């Protein structure tokens, strides 16, 4: 084992919408590879369909437990998709800024998704029953408070415009963000392309741009990198998620985090 990922503070991986730690390998081999390179790695264990507020409150308790367990003063968060919003709420409105050294977001819809407004126009007679089924399904999987419809509404541009005003960056936390882009894909990518422009199959490039924007991961790959491929949930022969995370963590180490 080498120590190129042996950061000063532990790494906490915070997943996105409709995923649950412990249900499948949602981070692929990323945690294992990071640990093999010296990192101390934990996962958020928050709800798949929880609201930003609910998940942020859970993450606060989770990180307090991690700090007590490790004796560390702070953690580094690497968040995927909605996990980045949960983490920003955690830093600001849950009063954890002094416990978070850095926040790295990957494919997080910081600036909102126009296509979500179209989805929310689906008649209630269709949308509400689907929401109930989704909530029951994820409750059985372990979610404490699944709220599918409310969580989806939280991705709209108007909701996130207010969220951004309420959750400005904290000066004591290091922020960096990455976008993702698919150059080829199915109908969903094309649907999002019409409403939001270039996207990774779920989140647009423009929505993912936030403080410390570092660019598009895998931009040189011919087909691009999809939303789930970026974190190892789906494998790709062209994109190495593990190597990408190792590089991100190595850079955090070099910055003293």
Foldseek 3Di string as FASTA:
>chain_A
DAALLQALAAEEEEEAAQDFPPPAPLLACQVVLSVVNNGHYHYQRAARQDALVRSLVSSLVVLVVVCVVVVHQAHEYEYEACRLSSVLCNCAVVVCVRRYAEYEYELYQLQAAQVLVVVVPPDCVPVVVVQVVSQVVRVVVPHPGHGNVVRSVCRHNVNSVVSCVRRPDDPNYHYEWEFWFFPDDDDQQVSSCVGPNTHQSPGHRVSGDDPNYDYYPPPVFPGIHHRSCCSNSDDDPRDDNNVVVSVVSSVSRVVRD
